[in-house]
Protein backbone atom coordinates (compact mmCIF):
# COMPACT_ATOMS: atom_id res chain seq x y z
CA MET A 1 56.91 -23.97 -169.39
CA ILE A 2 53.61 -21.83 -169.60
CA GLN A 3 53.10 -19.59 -172.63
CA ILE A 4 51.06 -16.38 -172.70
CA PHE A 5 49.92 -15.30 -176.15
CA GLY A 6 48.39 -11.77 -176.16
CA THR A 7 49.18 -8.29 -177.06
CA ASN A 8 50.50 -5.49 -174.78
CA LYS A 9 47.38 -3.35 -174.77
CA SER A 10 45.36 -6.33 -173.58
CA PHE A 11 44.16 -5.56 -169.89
CA ASP A 12 43.46 -9.35 -169.69
CA THR A 13 47.06 -10.40 -170.83
CA LYS A 14 48.32 -8.00 -168.33
CA SER A 15 46.30 -9.70 -165.72
CA ALA A 16 47.54 -13.18 -166.83
CA GLN A 17 51.02 -12.21 -166.50
CA ARG A 18 50.41 -10.71 -163.01
CA PHE A 19 48.76 -13.81 -161.94
CA PHE A 20 51.65 -16.06 -162.87
CA LYS A 21 54.30 -13.40 -161.68
CA GLU A 22 52.63 -13.23 -158.13
CA ARG A 23 52.62 -17.03 -157.85
CA ARG A 24 56.34 -17.19 -159.05
CA ILE A 25 55.58 -19.40 -161.93
CA ALA A 26 57.66 -19.04 -164.91
CA PHE A 27 56.16 -18.04 -168.19
CA GLN A 28 56.95 -16.91 -171.63
CA PHE A 29 55.03 -13.97 -172.95
CA VAL A 30 54.49 -13.86 -176.82
CA ASP A 31 53.22 -10.67 -178.34
CA LEU A 32 50.85 -11.44 -181.01
CA LYS A 33 51.41 -8.30 -182.72
CA GLU A 34 55.18 -9.14 -183.07
CA LYS A 35 55.13 -12.81 -183.65
CA GLU A 36 52.00 -14.83 -184.09
CA MET A 37 51.51 -18.47 -183.24
CA SER A 38 53.21 -21.11 -185.46
CA GLU A 39 50.96 -23.55 -187.02
CA GLY A 40 51.86 -26.18 -184.65
CA GLU A 41 51.18 -23.94 -181.59
CA PHE A 42 47.87 -23.01 -183.19
CA ASP A 43 46.96 -26.53 -183.65
CA SER A 44 48.11 -27.83 -180.10
CA VAL A 45 45.91 -24.96 -178.45
CA ALA A 46 42.87 -25.90 -180.44
CA SER A 47 43.22 -29.64 -179.80
CA ALA A 48 43.72 -29.03 -176.08
CA LEU A 49 40.60 -26.64 -176.03
CA ALA A 50 38.68 -29.35 -177.83
CA ARG A 51 39.03 -31.63 -175.25
CA THR A 52 37.17 -29.31 -172.96
CA GLU A 53 34.86 -27.51 -175.38
CA GLY A 54 33.55 -30.71 -177.12
CA SER A 55 34.75 -30.45 -180.53
CA ARG A 56 37.48 -28.68 -182.63
CA ALA A 57 34.91 -26.37 -184.25
CA GLU A 58 33.56 -25.24 -180.69
CA ALA A 59 37.11 -24.76 -179.79
CA ILE A 60 37.75 -22.48 -182.71
CA GLU A 61 34.50 -20.56 -181.79
CA ALA A 62 35.62 -20.33 -178.12
CA MET A 63 39.14 -18.86 -179.52
CA ILE A 64 37.21 -15.83 -181.41
CA ASP A 65 36.91 -12.64 -179.86
CA THR A 66 33.31 -11.74 -180.39
CA LYS A 67 34.10 -7.89 -179.28
CA SER A 68 36.86 -7.30 -181.79
CA LYS A 69 36.01 -4.62 -184.23
CA ASP A 70 37.02 -7.23 -186.88
CA TYR A 71 34.45 -10.02 -185.60
CA ALA A 72 32.07 -9.32 -188.31
CA SER A 73 34.91 -10.47 -190.84
CA ILE A 74 34.56 -14.02 -189.52
CA ALA A 75 31.27 -14.21 -187.79
CA TYR A 76 29.36 -15.56 -190.88
CA LEU A 77 32.04 -17.96 -192.24
CA ASP A 78 31.75 -21.66 -192.41
CA ASP A 79 33.31 -23.72 -189.60
CA SER A 80 36.12 -24.94 -192.16
CA GLU A 81 37.14 -21.29 -193.13
CA LYS A 82 36.96 -19.80 -189.64
CA GLU A 83 39.87 -21.67 -188.53
CA GLU A 84 42.05 -20.50 -191.49
CA LYS A 85 41.02 -17.01 -191.12
CA LEU A 86 41.54 -17.06 -187.44
CA PHE A 87 44.94 -18.38 -187.87
CA GLU A 88 45.72 -15.64 -190.32
CA ASN A 89 44.57 -12.79 -188.30
CA GLN A 90 45.66 -13.95 -184.72
CA ALA A 91 46.45 -10.47 -183.27
CA LYS A 92 43.04 -9.04 -184.38
CA LEU A 93 40.61 -11.93 -183.85
CA LEU A 94 41.93 -13.97 -181.07
CA LYS A 95 40.15 -13.92 -177.64
CA GLN A 96 43.23 -12.85 -175.17
CA PRO A 97 45.08 -14.09 -173.40
CA ILE A 98 45.59 -17.73 -174.88
CA CYS A 99 47.48 -19.48 -172.09
CA ARG A 100 49.14 -22.83 -173.00
CA ASN A 101 50.64 -25.20 -170.33
CA GLY A 102 53.04 -27.66 -172.59
CA LYS A 103 50.90 -29.43 -175.48
CA THR A 104 48.14 -30.80 -173.35
CA ASP A 105 46.44 -27.70 -171.50
CA ALA A 106 45.29 -24.42 -172.85
CA THR A 107 42.79 -21.63 -171.89
CA VAL A 108 41.30 -18.68 -173.49
CA GLY A 109 40.60 -15.52 -171.81
CA MET A 110 40.91 -15.20 -168.06
CA ALA A 111 40.85 -18.90 -166.37
CA GLN A 112 42.43 -18.32 -163.11
CA LYS A 113 40.78 -21.30 -161.56
CA THR A 114 42.33 -23.57 -164.30
CA TRP A 115 45.75 -21.90 -163.95
CA GLU A 116 45.85 -22.52 -160.10
CA GLY A 117 46.52 -26.12 -161.09
CA TRP A 118 49.57 -25.46 -163.16
CA LYS A 119 53.18 -25.35 -162.08
């Protein structure tokens, strides 16, 4: 099943939900303001992204919302510290939506071309 992680205020998260609804693809929406990703979910998203981004550090970088007002709190940290800070502040720092298809596929932001291959 597809999971969409985001917040109700995020325009892109709403667009992702609409994308899957229009195609009658079942999904579960997880509001990051109410319930953040578990450590296992976060790890599987980072690992799935690392396969397409090249490395785990690049995957973590791709997950960070550079337009967030809290971006300065993470921008200058070492790579090892960024992952921990991102996990602790998901609703404020994650680029949305994060869509996960099982444990092997994940996207950050709007990725309709990738989603079209998901069932």
